[in-house]
Amino acid sequence: MAKHRGIWPVVVMCEALGVSRSGFYDWLERPQSQRCLTNEVLAKQVRQSFVGSDRT
């Protein structure tokens, strides 16, 4: 939803997904979880491995 705020109104996306607007805005302000941070590190390593292996 955060990526599409410029395309679709937040209220429309929240209604379509069945979430509250206040919950969405609360989520925007929360720090990233440890799991999310770990996943970002892993994704970076996977991309580097992919590129390093001539994309195979």
C-alpha atoms as a PDB file:
ATOM      1  CA  MET A   1       0.000   0.000   0.000  1.00  0.00           C
ATOM      2  CA  ALA A   2       2.796   2.385   0.833  1.00  0.00           C
ATOM      3  CA  LYS A   3       4.190   2.101  -2.706  1.00  0.00           C
ATOM      4  CA  HIS A   4       0.816   2.802  -4.301  1.00  0.00           C
ATOM      5  CA  ARG A   5      -0.287   5.808  -2.241  1.00  0.00           C
ATOM      6  CA  GLY A   6       0.425   8.120  -5.171  1.00  0.00           C
ATOM      7  CA  ILE A   7      -1.771   6.069  -7.485  1.00  0.00           C
ATOM      8  CA  TRP A   8      -4.707   5.049  -5.266  1.00  0.00           C
ATOM      9  CA  PRO A   9      -6.250   6.860  -2.306  1.00  0.00           C
ATOM     10  CA  VAL A  10      -5.357   5.221   1.018  1.00  0.00           C
ATOM     11  CA  VAL A  11      -9.017   4.969   1.970  1.00  0.00           C
ATOM     12  CA  VAL A  12      -9.793   2.942  -1.185  1.00  0.00           C
ATOM     13  CA  MET A  13      -6.868   0.554  -0.620  1.00  0.00           C
ATOM     14  CA  CYS A  14      -7.758   0.095   3.057  1.00  0.00           C
ATOM     15  CA  GLU A  15     -11.361  -0.713   2.199  1.00  0.00           C
ATOM     16  CA  ALA A  16     -10.284  -3.162  -0.521  1.00  0.00           C
ATOM     17  CA  LEU A  17      -7.870  -4.941   1.824  1.00  0.00           C
ATOM     18  CA  GLY A  18     -10.082  -4.775   4.889  1.00  0.00           C
ATOM     19  CA  VAL A  19      -7.678  -2.809   7.071  1.00  0.00           C
ATOM     20  CA  SER A  20      -8.174   0.402   9.011  1.00  0.00           C
ATOM     21  CA  ARG A  21      -6.545   3.631   7.918  1.00  0.00           C
ATOM     22  CA  SER A  22      -5.238   4.192  11.430  1.00  0.00           C
ATOM     23  CA  GLY A  23      -3.653   0.732  11.404  1.00  0.00           C
ATOM     24  CA  PHE A  24      -1.952   1.494   8.092  1.00  0.00           C
ATOM     25  CA  TYR A  25      -0.561   4.780   9.358  1.00  0.00           C
ATOM     26  CA  ASP A  26       0.570   3.121  12.613  1.00  0.00           C
ATOM     27  CA  TRP A  27       2.378   0.478  10.534  1.00  0.00           C
ATOM     28  CA  LEU A  28       4.188   3.213   8.569  1.00  0.00           C
ATOM     29  CA  GLU A  29       5.655   4.625  11.783  1.00  0.00           C
ATOM     30  CA  ARG A  30       6.808   1.301  13.274  1.00  0.00           C
ATOM     31  CA  PRO A  31      10.467   0.353  13.062  1.00  0.00           C
ATOM     32  CA  GLN A  32      11.286  -2.666  10.922  1.00  0.00           C
ATOM     33  CA  SER A  33      11.201  -5.994  12.726  1.00  0.00           C
ATOM     34  CA  GLN A  34      14.309  -8.099  13.194  1.00  0.00           C
ATOM     35  CA  ARG A  35      12.817 -10.651  10.786  1.00  0.00           C
ATOM     36  CA  CYS A  36      12.416  -8.009   8.090  1.00  0.00           C
ATOM     37  CA  LEU A  37      15.980  -6.779   8.579  1.00  0.00           C
ATOM     38  CA  THR A  38      17.298 -10.354   8.389  1.00  0.00           C
ATOM     39  CA  ASN A  39      15.311 -10.979   5.197  1.00  0.00           C
ATOM     40  CA  GLU A  40      16.794  -7.856   3.590  1.00  0.00           C
ATOM     41  CA  VAL A  41      20.331  -9.051   4.361  1.00  0.00           C
ATOM     42  CA  LEU A  42      19.548 -12.503   2.959  1.00  0.00           C
ATOM     43  CA  ALA A  43      17.955 -11.049  -0.197  1.00  0.00           C
ATOM     44  CA  LYS A  44      21.068  -8.933  -0.786  1.00  0.00           C
ATOM     45  CA  GLN A  45      23.284 -12.017  -0.443  1.00  0.00           C
ATOM     46  CA  VAL A  46      21.093 -13.981  -2.869  1.00  0.00           C
ATOM     47  CA  ARG A  47      21.244 -11.156  -5.440  1.00  0.00           C
ATOM     48  CA  GLN A  48      25.025 -10.920  -5.105  1.00  0.00           C
ATOM     49  CA  SER A  49      25.366 -14.678  -5.557  1.00  0.00           C
ATOM     50  CA  PHE A  50      23.105 -14.599  -8.608  1.00  0.00           C
ATOM     51  CA  VAL A  51      25.025 -11.775 -10.271  1.00  0.00           C
ATOM     52  CA  GLY A  52      28.367 -13.335  -9.275  1.00  0.00           C
ATOM     53  CA  SER A  53      27.414 -16.605 -10.974  1.00  0.00           C
ATOM     54  CA  ASP A  54      26.682 -14.890 -14.307  1.00  0.00           C
ATOM     55  CA  ARG A  55      22.979 -14.902 -13.472  1.00  0.00           C
ATOM     56  CA  THR A  56      22.636 -18.658 -13.271  1.00  0.00           C
END
